[in-house]
Protein backbone atom coordinates (compact mmCIF):
# COMPACT_ATOMS: atom_id res chain seq x y z
CA MET A 1 94.90 280.09 83.30
CA TRP A 2 92.12 277.61 82.33
CA THR A 3 94.11 276.20 79.42
CA GLY A 4 97.05 275.54 81.76
CA PHE A 5 94.60 273.77 84.12
CA TYR A 6 93.21 271.59 81.29
CA ARG A 7 96.73 270.68 80.09
CA LEU A 8 97.83 269.79 83.65
CA LEU A 9 94.79 267.57 84.07
CA PHE A 10 95.37 265.93 80.69
CA ALA A 11 98.96 265.34 81.55
CA LEU A 12 97.95 263.56 84.80
CA ALA A 13 95.31 261.67 83.00
CA ARG A 14 97.88 260.35 80.48
CA ALA A 15 100.32 259.38 83.20
CA TRP A 16 97.47 257.34 84.81
CA TRP A 17 96.57 255.76 81.50
CA PHE A 18 100.20 254.91 80.95
CA VAL A 19 100.20 252.82 84.20
CA ARG A 20 96.72 251.37 83.99
CA ARG A 21 96.32 250.93 80.14
CA PRO A 22 92.51 251.30 80.54
CA ARG A 23 89.68 250.59 78.09
CA THR A 24 87.73 253.75 77.54
CA GLU A 25 84.44 254.61 75.69
CA GLY A 26 83.81 257.78 73.99
CA ALA A 27 81.01 259.41 71.94
CA VAL A 28 81.40 262.19 69.46
CA VAL A 29 79.12 264.07 66.92
CA ALA A 30 79.95 264.67 63.26
CA PHE A 31 77.91 267.88 62.40
CA TRP A 32 77.52 268.06 58.61
CA CYS A 33 76.45 271.27 56.62
CA ASP A 34 76.80 271.76 52.93
CA GLY A 35 79.50 269.00 52.62
CA ARG A 36 81.60 270.35 55.53
CA VAL A 37 82.11 268.82 58.98
CA LEU A 38 82.48 270.76 62.12
CA LEU A 39 85.94 270.26 63.69
CA VAL A 40 87.06 271.25 67.09
CA LYS A 41 90.43 271.52 68.87
CA SER A 42 90.95 271.36 72.60
CA SER A 43 93.48 273.40 74.64
CA TYR A 44 95.31 270.31 75.84
CA ARG A 45 95.99 268.26 72.79
CA PRO A 46 97.48 269.05 69.38
CA HIS A 47 94.85 267.02 67.52
CA TYR A 48 91.60 268.18 65.77
CA GLY A 49 88.47 266.21 66.44
CA LEU A 50 84.65 266.04 66.65
CA PRO A 51 82.84 267.53 69.54
CA GLY A 52 82.34 264.91 72.32
CA GLY A 53 83.90 262.92 75.13
CA PHE A 54 83.86 260.13 77.51
CA VAL A 55 80.70 258.08 78.27
CA ARG A 56 79.69 258.32 81.79
CA ARG A 57 78.36 255.27 83.81
CA GLY A 58 74.69 254.84 83.17
CA GLU A 59 74.73 256.93 80.02
CA THR A 60 74.00 255.62 76.54
CA HIS A 61 76.53 256.72 73.85
CA ALA A 62 73.94 258.97 72.23
CA GLN A 63 73.17 260.60 75.55
CA ALA A 64 76.94 261.17 76.19
CA ALA A 65 77.41 262.69 72.70
CA SER A 66 74.45 264.98 73.34
CA ARG A 67 75.77 266.06 76.80
CA GLU A 68 79.24 266.61 75.53
CA VAL A 69 78.01 268.82 72.64
CA ALA A 70 75.94 270.83 75.12
CA GLU A 71 79.06 271.31 77.43
CA GLU A 72 81.61 272.03 74.74
CA LEU A 73 79.66 274.10 72.20
CA HIS A 74 76.44 275.07 74.10
CA LEU A 75 74.26 273.37 71.45
CA GLN A 76 71.24 271.41 72.63
CA ILE A 77 70.94 268.31 70.34
CA PRO A 78 68.43 265.67 71.59
CA PRO A 79 70.08 262.03 71.43
CA THR A 80 67.11 260.99 69.26
CA ASP A 81 68.25 263.49 66.63
CA LEU A 82 71.67 261.67 66.20
CA THR A 83 72.16 259.00 63.69
CA PHE A 84 74.72 256.20 64.37
CA ALA A 85 77.71 256.46 61.94
CA SER A 86 80.34 254.15 63.12
CA ARG A 87 82.34 252.72 66.07
CA GLU A 88 86.10 253.09 65.85
CA SER A 89 88.53 251.25 68.17
CA THR A 90 92.14 252.25 68.55
CA VAL A 91 95.02 252.13 70.99
CA PHE A 92 95.83 255.82 71.55
CA GLU A 93 97.36 257.85 74.47
CA TYR A 94 98.07 254.53 76.34
CA ARG A 95 94.40 253.37 76.28
CA HIS A 96 92.31 251.13 74.31
CA ASP A 97 89.56 253.53 73.20
CA THR A 98 86.34 252.70 71.54
CA THR A 99 84.61 255.77 70.08
CA THR A 100 81.10 255.90 68.81
CA ILE A 101 80.53 258.38 66.16
CA TRP A 102 77.11 259.98 65.64
CA GLU A 103 76.05 262.18 62.75
CA ILE A 104 73.59 265.01 62.24
CA THR A 105 73.07 267.12 59.09
CA VAL A 106 72.03 270.69 59.68
CA ASP A 107 70.52 273.16 56.94
CA ALA A 108 72.58 276.05 58.37
CA PRO A 109 75.57 276.17 60.68
CA PRO A 110 74.34 276.76 64.14
CA ALA A 111 75.62 279.47 66.52
CA ILE A 112 78.58 277.89 68.35
CA GLN A 113 80.02 279.29 71.54
CA VAL A 114 83.66 278.22 72.15
CA ASP A 115 84.69 278.94 75.73
CA GLY A 116 88.41 279.32 75.09
CA ARG A 117 89.09 277.02 77.99
CA GLU A 118 88.54 273.36 77.00
CA ILE A 119 87.68 273.93 73.34
CA ILE A 120 89.69 276.76 71.59
CA PHE A 121 88.69 276.33 68.09
CA ALA A 122 85.68 275.28 66.04
CA ALA A 123 85.34 275.47 62.24
CA TRP A 124 83.67 273.94 59.31
CA LYS A 125 85.94 272.02 57.08
CA THR A 126 85.59 269.88 53.89
CA PRO A 127 86.85 266.32 54.33
CA ALA A 128 89.86 267.18 52.35
CA GLU A 129 90.70 270.29 54.37
CA ALA A 130 90.13 268.12 57.53
CA ARG A 131 92.54 265.51 56.37
CA ALA A 132 95.24 268.09 55.87
CA LEU A 133 95.06 268.65 59.77
CA LEU A 134 96.44 266.43 62.53
CA LEU A 135 93.20 264.47 63.32
CA LEU A 136 92.49 262.19 66.25
CA PRO A 137 92.75 258.67 64.88
CA PRO A 138 88.98 257.71 65.09
CA VAL A 139 88.16 260.83 63.25
CA ALA A 140 90.64 260.26 60.47
CA SER A 141 89.39 256.64 60.14
CA TYR A 142 85.81 257.81 60.00
CA LEU A 143 86.46 260.44 57.34
CA ASP A 144 88.46 257.99 55.17
CA ARG A 145 85.69 255.36 55.32
CA ARG A 146 82.90 257.89 54.85
CA ASP A 147 84.27 258.99 51.50
CA LEU A 148 84.43 255.53 49.97
């Protein structure tokens, strides 16, 4: 039931974006552990990405990334623990999106709780394994540049 609800909301959002062609701001976190990055997959889109989401009015990008990680994975990461990695701009899904990517390196994989509603998959992947998947454009660009 919940996945259908998320898919419906996402379809409505895409229709709105098609009409409005908005500029959006996002913030995501690249968790790294032993050369692997944590990827997630949402219930409403075929792409794999990094945990995160839209920046709310009055939030810094680091605060948004921290909030989204807490909402999606039930992990509490203070914004001050995040390191700026890059800013990616792309036209995708009928909107001009600018995504700020933050990084954090952990010594051991944290316990992750995927709710099966919005986020249906989370796994650690090497950059090569990640590139074999259908990635969101900012994530693909980030991984390509990070390996240079």
